[in-house]
Every structure is written in C-alpha cells, then in structure tokens.
ModelCIF file with pLDDT and N, C-alpha, C, O atoms, coordinates in Angstrom:
data_MODEL
#
_entry.id   MODEL 
#
_entity.id                         1 
_entity.type                       polymer 
_entity.pdbx_number_of_molecules   1 
#
_entity_poly.entity_id                      1 
_entity_poly.type                           'polypeptide(L)' 
_entity_poly.nstd_linkage                   no 
_entity_poly.nstd_monomer                   no 
_entity_poly.pdbx_seq_one_letter_code       
;(UNK)(UNK)(UNK)(UNK)(UNK)(UNK)(UNK)(UNK)(UNK)(UNK)(UNK)(UNK)(UNK)(UNK)(UNK)(UNK)
(UNK)(UNK)(UNK)(UNK)(UNK)(UNK)(UNK)(UNK)(UNK)(UNK)(UNK)(UNK)(UNK)(UNK)(UNK)(UNK)
(UNK)(UNK)(UNK)(UNK)(UNK)
;
_entity_poly.pdbx_seq_one_letter_code_can   XXXXXXXXXXXXXXXXXXXXXXXXXXXXXXXXXXXXX 
_entity_poly.pdbx_strand_id                 A 
#
loop_
_entity_poly_seq.entity_id 
_entity_poly_seq.num 
_entity_poly_seq.mon_id 
_entity_poly_seq.hetero 
1 1  UNK n 
1 2  UNK n 
1 3  UNK n 
1 4  UNK n 
1 5  UNK n 
1 6  UNK n 
1 7  UNK n 
1 8  UNK n 
1 9  UNK n 
1 10 UNK n 
1 11 UNK n 
1 12 UNK n 
1 13 UNK n 
1 14 UNK n 
1 15 UNK n 
1 16 UNK n 
1 17 UNK n 
1 18 UNK n 
1 19 UNK n 
1 20 UNK n 
1 21 UNK n 
1 22 UNK n 
1 23 UNK n 
1 24 UNK n 
1 25 UNK n 
1 26 UNK n 
1 27 UNK n 
1 28 UNK n 
1 29 UNK n 
1 30 UNK n 
1 31 UNK n 
1 32 UNK n 
1 33 UNK n 
1 34 UNK n 
1 35 UNK n 
1 36 UNK n 
1 37 UNK n 
#
_struct_asym.id          A 
_struct_asym.entity_id   1 
#
loop_
_ma_qa_metric.id 
_ma_qa_metric.mode 
_ma_qa_metric.name 
_ma_qa_metric.software_group_id 
_ma_qa_metric.type 
1 global pLDDT . pLDDT 
2 local  pLDDT . pLDDT 
#
_ma_qa_metric_global.metric_id      1 
_ma_qa_metric_global.metric_value   97.51 
_ma_qa_metric_global.model_id       1 
_ma_qa_metric_global.ordinal_id     1 
#
loop_
_ma_qa_metric_local.label_asym_id 
_ma_qa_metric_local.label_comp_id 
_ma_qa_metric_local.label_seq_id 
_ma_qa_metric_local.metric_id 
_ma_qa_metric_local.metric_value 
_ma_qa_metric_local.model_id 
_ma_qa_metric_local.ordinal_id 
A UNK 1  2 98.00 1 1  
A UNK 2  2 98.00 1 2  
A UNK 3  2 97.00 1 3  
A UNK 4  2 97.00 1 4  
A UNK 5  2 97.00 1 5  
A UNK 6  2 97.00 1 6  
A UNK 7  2 97.00 1 7  
A UNK 8  2 97.00 1 8  
A UNK 9  2 98.00 1 9  
A UNK 10 2 98.00 1 10 
A UNK 11 2 97.00 1 11 
A UNK 12 2 98.00 1 12 
A UNK 13 2 98.00 1 13 
A UNK 14 2 97.00 1 14 
A UNK 15 2 97.00 1 15 
A UNK 16 2 98.00 1 16 
A UNK 17 2 97.00 1 17 
A UNK 18 2 97.00 1 18 
A UNK 19 2 96.00 1 19 
A UNK 20 2 96.00 1 20 
A UNK 21 2 97.00 1 21 
A UNK 22 2 98.00 1 22 
A UNK 23 2 98.00 1 23 
A UNK 24 2 98.00 1 24 
A UNK 25 2 98.00 1 25 
A UNK 26 2 98.00 1 26 
A UNK 27 2 98.00 1 27 
A UNK 28 2 98.00 1 28 
A UNK 29 2 98.00 1 29 
A UNK 30 2 97.00 1 30 
A UNK 31 2 97.00 1 31 
A UNK 32 2 98.00 1 32 
A UNK 33 2 98.00 1 33 
A UNK 34 2 98.00 1 34 
A UNK 35 2 98.00 1 35 
A UNK 36 2 98.00 1 36 
A UNK 37 2 98.00 1 37 
#
loop_
_atom_site.group_PDB 
_atom_site.id 
_atom_site.type_symbol 
_atom_site.label_atom_id 
_atom_site.label_alt_id 
_atom_site.label_comp_id 
_atom_site.label_asym_id 
_atom_site.label_entity_id 
_atom_site.label_seq_id 
_atom_site.pdbx_PDB_ins_code 
_atom_site.Cartn_x 
_atom_site.Cartn_y 
_atom_site.Cartn_z 
_atom_site.occupancy 
_atom_site.B_iso_or_equiv 
_atom_site.pdbx_formal_charge 
_atom_site.auth_seq_id 
_atom_site.auth_comp_id 
_atom_site.auth_asym_id 
_atom_site.auth_atom_id 
_atom_site.pdbx_PDB_model_num 
ATOM 1   N N  . UNK A 1 1  ? -17.493 48.680 -23.930 1.00 98.00 ? 1  UNK A N  1 
ATOM 2   C CA . UNK A 1 1  ? -18.915 49.271 -23.282 1.00 98.00 ? 1  UNK A CA 1 
ATOM 3   C C  . UNK A 1 1  ? -19.090 50.256 -24.354 1.00 98.00 ? 1  UNK A C  1 
ATOM 4   O O  . UNK A 1 1  ? -19.775 49.526 -25.072 1.00 98.00 ? 1  UNK A O  1 
ATOM 5   N N  . UNK A 1 2  ? -19.001 51.359 -25.026 1.00 98.00 ? 2  UNK A N  1 
ATOM 6   C CA . UNK A 1 2  ? -18.861 51.736 -26.417 1.00 98.00 ? 2  UNK A CA 1 
ATOM 7   C C  . UNK A 1 2  ? -19.794 50.921 -27.857 1.00 98.00 ? 2  UNK A C  1 
ATOM 8   O O  . UNK A 1 2  ? -20.712 51.198 -28.628 1.00 98.00 ? 2  UNK A O  1 
ATOM 9   N N  . UNK A 1 3  ? -18.915 49.872 -27.589 1.00 97.00 ? 3  UNK A N  1 
ATOM 10  C CA . UNK A 1 3  ? -19.480 49.369 -28.409 1.00 97.00 ? 3  UNK A CA 1 
ATOM 11  C C  . UNK A 1 3  ? -20.592 48.337 -28.667 1.00 97.00 ? 3  UNK A C  1 
ATOM 12  O O  . UNK A 1 3  ? -21.331 48.075 -29.616 1.00 97.00 ? 3  UNK A O  1 
ATOM 13  N N  . UNK A 1 4  ? -20.356 47.749 -27.131 1.00 97.00 ? 4  UNK A N  1 
ATOM 14  C CA . UNK A 1 4  ? -21.612 46.922 -26.549 1.00 97.00 ? 4  UNK A CA 1 
ATOM 15  C C  . UNK A 1 4  ? -22.974 47.143 -26.523 1.00 97.00 ? 4  UNK A C  1 
ATOM 16  O O  . UNK A 1 4  ? -23.959 46.424 -26.688 1.00 97.00 ? 4  UNK A O  1 
ATOM 17  N N  . UNK A 1 5  ? -22.691 48.983 -26.135 1.00 97.00 ? 5  UNK A N  1 
ATOM 18  C CA . UNK A 1 5  ? -24.188 49.673 -25.555 1.00 97.00 ? 5  UNK A CA 1 
ATOM 19  C C  . UNK A 1 5  ? -24.668 50.130 -27.018 1.00 97.00 ? 5  UNK A C  1 
ATOM 20  O O  . UNK A 1 5  ? -25.889 50.228 -27.141 1.00 97.00 ? 5  UNK A O  1 
ATOM 21  N N  . UNK A 1 6  ? -24.010 50.376 -27.964 1.00 97.00 ? 6  UNK A N  1 
ATOM 22  C CA . UNK A 1 6  ? -24.155 50.999 -29.016 1.00 97.00 ? 6  UNK A CA 1 
ATOM 23  C C  . UNK A 1 6  ? -23.732 52.504 -29.728 1.00 97.00 ? 6  UNK A C  1 
ATOM 24  O O  . UNK A 1 6  ? -24.000 52.983 -30.830 1.00 97.00 ? 6  UNK A O  1 
ATOM 25  N N  . UNK A 1 7  ? -23.046 52.944 -28.718 1.00 97.00 ? 7  UNK A N  1 
ATOM 26  C CA . UNK A 1 7  ? -23.042 54.197 -27.929 1.00 97.00 ? 7  UNK A CA 1 
ATOM 27  C C  . UNK A 1 7  ? -20.700 55.064 -27.965 1.00 97.00 ? 7  UNK A C  1 
ATOM 28  O O  . UNK A 1 7  ? -19.729 54.369 -27.668 1.00 97.00 ? 7  UNK A O  1 
ATOM 29  N N  . UNK A 1 8  ? -20.626 56.550 -28.398 1.00 97.00 ? 8  UNK A N  1 
ATOM 30  C CA . UNK A 1 8  ? -19.586 57.173 -28.924 1.00 97.00 ? 8  UNK A CA 1 
ATOM 31  C C  . UNK A 1 8  ? -18.636 56.482 -28.016 1.00 97.00 ? 8  UNK A C  1 
ATOM 32  O O  . UNK A 1 8  ? -19.264 55.463 -27.728 1.00 97.00 ? 8  UNK A O  1 
ATOM 33  N N  . UNK A 1 9  ? -17.509 56.423 -27.397 1.00 98.00 ? 9  UNK A N  1 
ATOM 34  C CA . UNK A 1 9  ? -17.213 56.932 -26.455 1.00 98.00 ? 9  UNK A CA 1 
ATOM 35  C C  . UNK A 1 9  ? -16.787 58.111 -25.642 1.00 98.00 ? 9  UNK A C  1 
ATOM 36  O O  . UNK A 1 9  ? -16.174 57.945 -24.588 1.00 98.00 ? 9  UNK A O  1 
ATOM 37  N N  . UNK A 1 10 ? -17.097 59.317 -26.103 1.00 98.00 ? 10 UNK A N  1 
ATOM 38  C CA . UNK A 1 10 ? -17.059 59.986 -25.728 1.00 98.00 ? 10 UNK A CA 1 
ATOM 39  C C  . UNK A 1 10 ? -18.448 59.669 -24.311 1.00 98.00 ? 10 UNK A C  1 
ATOM 40  O O  . UNK A 1 10 ? -18.399 59.718 -23.082 1.00 98.00 ? 10 UNK A O  1 
ATOM 41  N N  . UNK A 1 11 ? -19.474 59.378 -25.233 1.00 97.00 ? 11 UNK A N  1 
ATOM 42  C CA . UNK A 1 11 ? -20.961 58.911 -23.946 1.00 97.00 ? 11 UNK A CA 1 
ATOM 43  C C  . UNK A 1 11 ? -20.479 58.294 -22.952 1.00 97.00 ? 11 UNK A C  1 
ATOM 44  O O  . UNK A 1 11 ? -20.711 58.830 -21.868 1.00 97.00 ? 11 UNK A O  1 
ATOM 45  N N  . UNK A 1 12 ? -19.773 57.168 -22.932 1.00 98.00 ? 12 UNK A N  1 
ATOM 46  C CA . UNK A 1 12 ? -19.014 56.602 -22.155 1.00 98.00 ? 12 UNK A CA 1 
ATOM 47  C C  . UNK A 1 12 ? -18.214 57.589 -20.604 1.00 98.00 ? 12 UNK A C  1 
ATOM 48  O O  . UNK A 1 12 ? -18.528 57.584 -19.414 1.00 98.00 ? 12 UNK A O  1 
ATOM 49  N N  . UNK A 1 13 ? -17.331 58.182 -21.213 1.00 98.00 ? 13 UNK A N  1 
ATOM 50  C CA . UNK A 1 13 ? -16.760 58.388 -20.553 1.00 98.00 ? 13 UNK A CA 1 
ATOM 51  C C  . UNK A 1 13 ? -16.857 59.925 -20.137 1.00 98.00 ? 13 UNK A C  1 
ATOM 52  O O  . UNK A 1 13 ? -15.901 60.421 -19.541 1.00 98.00 ? 13 UNK A O  1 
ATOM 53  N N  . UNK A 1 14 ? -18.221 60.856 -20.494 1.00 97.00 ? 14 UNK A N  1 
ATOM 54  C CA . UNK A 1 14 ? -18.154 61.771 -20.110 1.00 97.00 ? 14 UNK A CA 1 
ATOM 55  C C  . UNK A 1 14 ? -19.642 61.858 -19.727 1.00 97.00 ? 14 UNK A C  1 
ATOM 56  O O  . UNK A 1 14 ? -20.127 62.962 -19.481 1.00 97.00 ? 14 UNK A O  1 
ATOM 57  N N  . UNK A 1 15 ? -20.539 60.506 -19.652 1.00 97.00 ? 15 UNK A N  1 
ATOM 58  C CA . UNK A 1 15 ? -21.186 60.185 -18.890 1.00 97.00 ? 15 UNK A CA 1 
ATOM 59  C C  . UNK A 1 15 ? -21.125 58.647 -17.869 1.00 97.00 ? 15 UNK A C  1 
ATOM 60  O O  . UNK A 1 15 ? -20.075 58.126 -17.493 1.00 97.00 ? 15 UNK A O  1 
ATOM 61  N N  . UNK A 1 16 ? -22.206 58.250 -17.637 1.00 98.00 ? 16 UNK A N  1 
ATOM 62  C CA . UNK A 1 16 ? -22.322 56.890 -17.740 1.00 98.00 ? 16 UNK A CA 1 
ATOM 63  C C  . UNK A 1 16 ? -21.810 56.826 -15.214 1.00 98.00 ? 16 UNK A C  1 
ATOM 64  O O  . UNK A 1 16 ? -21.380 55.903 -14.522 1.00 98.00 ? 16 UNK A O  1 
ATOM 65  N N  . UNK A 1 17 ? -22.166 58.137 -14.888 1.00 97.00 ? 17 UNK A N  1 
ATOM 66  C CA . UNK A 1 17 ? -21.633 57.689 -14.166 1.00 97.00 ? 17 UNK A CA 1 
ATOM 67  C C  . UNK A 1 17 ? -20.190 58.017 -13.754 1.00 97.00 ? 17 UNK A C  1 
ATOM 68  O O  . UNK A 1 17 ? -20.014 58.107 -12.539 1.00 97.00 ? 17 UNK A O  1 
ATOM 69  N N  . UNK A 1 18 ? -18.891 58.256 -14.725 1.00 97.00 ? 18 UNK A N  1 
ATOM 70  C CA . UNK A 1 18 ? -17.113 58.454 -14.404 1.00 97.00 ? 18 UNK A CA 1 
ATOM 71  C C  . UNK A 1 18 ? -17.166 57.791 -12.926 1.00 97.00 ? 18 UNK A C  1 
ATOM 72  O O  . UNK A 1 18 ? -17.337 58.433 -11.890 1.00 97.00 ? 18 UNK A O  1 
ATOM 73  N N  . UNK A 1 19 ? -16.993 56.438 -13.016 1.00 96.00 ? 19 UNK A N  1 
ATOM 74  C CA . UNK A 1 19 ? -16.361 56.069 -12.376 1.00 96.00 ? 19 UNK A CA 1 
ATOM 75  C C  . UNK A 1 19 ? -17.618 55.321 -11.155 1.00 96.00 ? 19 UNK A C  1 
ATOM 76  O O  . UNK A 1 19 ? -17.669 54.176 -10.706 1.00 96.00 ? 19 UNK A O  1 
ATOM 77  N N  . UNK A 1 20 ? -18.884 57.011 -10.801 1.00 96.00 ? 20 UNK A N  1 
ATOM 78  C CA . UNK A 1 20 ? -19.476 55.865 -9.954  1.00 96.00 ? 20 UNK A CA 1 
ATOM 79  C C  . UNK A 1 20 ? -20.727 54.717 -10.497 1.00 96.00 ? 20 UNK A C  1 
ATOM 80  O O  . UNK A 1 20 ? -21.410 54.852 -11.513 1.00 96.00 ? 20 UNK A O  1 
ATOM 81  N N  . UNK A 1 21 ? -20.763 54.099 -9.960  1.00 97.00 ? 21 UNK A N  1 
ATOM 82  C CA . UNK A 1 21 ? -22.212 52.661 -9.826  1.00 97.00 ? 21 UNK A CA 1 
ATOM 83  C C  . UNK A 1 21 ? -23.803 53.947 -9.981  1.00 97.00 ? 21 UNK A C  1 
ATOM 84  O O  . UNK A 1 21 ? -24.281 54.733 -9.163  1.00 97.00 ? 21 UNK A O  1 
ATOM 85  N N  . UNK A 1 22 ? -24.050 53.723 -10.922 1.00 98.00 ? 22 UNK A N  1 
ATOM 86  C CA . UNK A 1 22 ? -25.695 54.646 -11.101 1.00 98.00 ? 22 UNK A CA 1 
ATOM 87  C C  . UNK A 1 22 ? -26.638 53.421 -10.790 1.00 98.00 ? 22 UNK A C  1 
ATOM 88  O O  . UNK A 1 22 ? -26.443 52.259 -11.144 1.00 98.00 ? 22 UNK A O  1 
ATOM 89  N N  . UNK A 1 23 ? -28.075 54.082 -9.798  1.00 98.00 ? 23 UNK A N  1 
ATOM 90  C CA . UNK A 1 23 ? -28.717 53.373 -9.538  1.00 98.00 ? 23 UNK A CA 1 
ATOM 91  C C  . UNK A 1 23 ? -29.984 53.241 -11.167 1.00 98.00 ? 23 UNK A C  1 
ATOM 92  O O  . UNK A 1 23 ? -30.095 53.912 -12.194 1.00 98.00 ? 23 UNK A O  1 
ATOM 93  N N  . UNK A 1 24 ? -30.757 51.936 -10.576 1.00 98.00 ? 24 UNK A N  1 
ATOM 94  C CA . UNK A 1 24 ? -31.067 51.535 -11.857 1.00 98.00 ? 24 UNK A CA 1 
ATOM 95  C C  . UNK A 1 24 ? -32.229 52.503 -12.912 1.00 98.00 ? 24 UNK A C  1 
ATOM 96  O O  . UNK A 1 24 ? -32.597 51.986 -13.967 1.00 98.00 ? 24 UNK A O  1 
ATOM 97  N N  . UNK A 1 25 ? -32.778 54.004 -12.493 1.00 98.00 ? 25 UNK A N  1 
ATOM 98  C CA . UNK A 1 25 ? -33.242 54.812 -13.197 1.00 98.00 ? 25 UNK A CA 1 
ATOM 99  C C  . UNK A 1 25 ? -32.322 55.362 -13.847 1.00 98.00 ? 25 UNK A C  1 
ATOM 100 O O  . UNK A 1 25 ? -32.179 55.355 -15.070 1.00 98.00 ? 25 UNK A O  1 
ATOM 101 N N  . UNK A 1 26 ? -31.563 55.934 -12.934 1.00 98.00 ? 26 UNK A N  1 
ATOM 102 C CA . UNK A 1 26 ? -30.301 57.186 -13.655 1.00 98.00 ? 26 UNK A CA 1 
ATOM 103 C C  . UNK A 1 26 ? -29.781 56.143 -14.691 1.00 98.00 ? 26 UNK A C  1 
ATOM 104 O O  . UNK A 1 26 ? -29.541 56.559 -15.825 1.00 98.00 ? 26 UNK A O  1 
ATOM 105 N N  . UNK A 1 27 ? -29.590 54.843 -14.408 1.00 98.00 ? 27 UNK A N  1 
ATOM 106 C CA . UNK A 1 27 ? -28.076 54.111 -15.454 1.00 98.00 ? 27 UNK A CA 1 
ATOM 107 C C  . UNK A 1 27 ? -29.439 53.801 -16.738 1.00 98.00 ? 27 UNK A C  1 
ATOM 108 O O  . UNK A 1 27 ? -28.965 53.308 -17.761 1.00 98.00 ? 27 UNK A O  1 
ATOM 109 N N  . UNK A 1 28 ? -30.638 53.973 -16.781 1.00 98.00 ? 28 UNK A N  1 
ATOM 110 C CA . UNK A 1 28 ? -31.579 53.883 -17.701 1.00 98.00 ? 28 UNK A CA 1 
ATOM 111 C C  . UNK A 1 28 ? -31.393 55.056 -18.514 1.00 98.00 ? 28 UNK A C  1 
ATOM 112 O O  . UNK A 1 28 ? -30.884 54.965 -19.632 1.00 98.00 ? 28 UNK A O  1 
ATOM 113 N N  . UNK A 1 29 ? -31.814 56.271 -17.971 1.00 98.00 ? 29 UNK A N  1 
ATOM 114 C CA . UNK A 1 29 ? -31.397 57.369 -18.725 1.00 98.00 ? 29 UNK A CA 1 
ATOM 115 C C  . UNK A 1 29 ? -29.791 57.473 -18.919 1.00 98.00 ? 29 UNK A C  1 
ATOM 116 O O  . UNK A 1 29 ? -29.600 58.668 -18.696 1.00 98.00 ? 29 UNK A O  1 
ATOM 117 N N  . UNK A 1 30 ? -29.063 57.142 -19.085 1.00 97.00 ? 30 UNK A N  1 
ATOM 118 C CA . UNK A 1 30 ? -27.310 56.991 -19.514 1.00 97.00 ? 30 UNK A CA 1 
ATOM 119 C C  . UNK A 1 30 ? -27.518 56.129 -20.806 1.00 97.00 ? 30 UNK A C  1 
ATOM 120 O O  . UNK A 1 30 ? -26.788 56.241 -21.790 1.00 97.00 ? 30 UNK A O  1 
ATOM 121 N N  . UNK A 1 31 ? -28.659 55.189 -20.718 1.00 97.00 ? 31 UNK A N  1 
ATOM 122 C CA . UNK A 1 31 ? -28.240 54.119 -21.982 1.00 97.00 ? 31 UNK A CA 1 
ATOM 123 C C  . UNK A 1 31 ? -27.733 53.043 -21.492 1.00 97.00 ? 31 UNK A C  1 
ATOM 124 O O  . UNK A 1 31 ? -27.413 52.068 -22.173 1.00 97.00 ? 31 UNK A O  1 
ATOM 125 N N  . UNK A 1 32 ? -27.622 53.133 -20.287 1.00 98.00 ? 32 UNK A N  1 
ATOM 126 C CA . UNK A 1 32 ? -26.748 52.066 -19.941 1.00 98.00 ? 32 UNK A CA 1 
ATOM 127 C C  . UNK A 1 32 ? -26.696 50.925 -20.070 1.00 98.00 ? 32 UNK A C  1 
ATOM 128 O O  . UNK A 1 32 ? -25.652 50.428 -20.495 1.00 98.00 ? 32 UNK A O  1 
ATOM 129 N N  . UNK A 1 33 ? -28.072 49.928 -19.669 1.00 98.00 ? 33 UNK A N  1 
ATOM 130 C CA . UNK A 1 33 ? -29.117 49.333 -19.755 1.00 98.00 ? 33 UNK A CA 1 
ATOM 131 C C  . UNK A 1 33 ? -30.214 49.455 -20.828 1.00 98.00 ? 33 UNK A C  1 
ATOM 132 O O  . UNK A 1 33 ? -30.481 50.405 -21.563 1.00 98.00 ? 33 UNK A O  1 
ATOM 133 N N  . UNK A 1 34 ? -30.815 48.158 -20.714 1.00 98.00 ? 34 UNK A N  1 
ATOM 134 C CA . UNK A 1 34 ? -31.849 48.703 -21.688 1.00 98.00 ? 34 UNK A CA 1 
ATOM 135 C C  . UNK A 1 34 ? -33.863 48.562 -21.564 1.00 98.00 ? 34 UNK A C  1 
ATOM 136 O O  . UNK A 1 34 ? -34.873 48.787 -22.230 1.00 98.00 ? 34 UNK A O  1 
ATOM 137 N N  . UNK A 1 35 ? -33.441 48.054 -20.265 1.00 98.00 ? 35 UNK A N  1 
ATOM 138 C CA . UNK A 1 35 ? -34.598 48.127 -19.049 1.00 98.00 ? 35 UNK A CA 1 
ATOM 139 C C  . UNK A 1 35 ? -34.525 47.353 -17.475 1.00 98.00 ? 35 UNK A C  1 
ATOM 140 O O  . UNK A 1 35 ? -33.730 46.576 -16.948 1.00 98.00 ? 35 UNK A O  1 
ATOM 141 N N  . UNK A 1 36 ? -35.569 47.895 -17.127 1.00 98.00 ? 36 UNK A N  1 
ATOM 142 C CA . UNK A 1 36 ? -35.394 47.267 -15.528 1.00 98.00 ? 36 UNK A CA 1 
ATOM 143 C C  . UNK A 1 36 ? -36.230 46.252 -15.200 1.00 98.00 ? 36 UNK A C  1 
ATOM 144 O O  . UNK A 1 36 ? -37.441 46.465 -15.150 1.00 98.00 ? 36 UNK A O  1 
ATOM 145 N N  . UNK A 1 37 ? -35.798 45.232 -14.979 1.00 98.00 ? 37 UNK A N  1 
ATOM 146 C CA . UNK A 1 37 ? -36.595 44.264 -14.446 1.00 98.00 ? 37 UNK A CA 1 
ATOM 147 C C  . UNK A 1 37 ? -36.256 43.500 -13.570 1.00 98.00 ? 37 UNK A C  1 
ATOM 148 O O  . UNK A 1 37 ? -37.045 42.655 -13.149 1.00 98.00 ? 37 UNK A O  1 
#
C-alpha cells in the first residue's frame, strides 16, 4: 500500500483507518485515494 500510494509505511500503519474502513471524505484526507468520483 505504501509503495502503491507513494507514502511512508508508518503512514499506512498509523493512519488509514488502522484496520477500519473509511468513508470517501476520510479516505481522501488520509491519501488512500486520489479523488471522489
């Protein structure tokens, strides 16, 4: 995920829901997606 999204592994582990699913706005804020569409 870190490689695909271009972020640090720590950002994936310490953010991005930490095992939870996130809604569109929260996912965009965490840089899990590139946009809402």
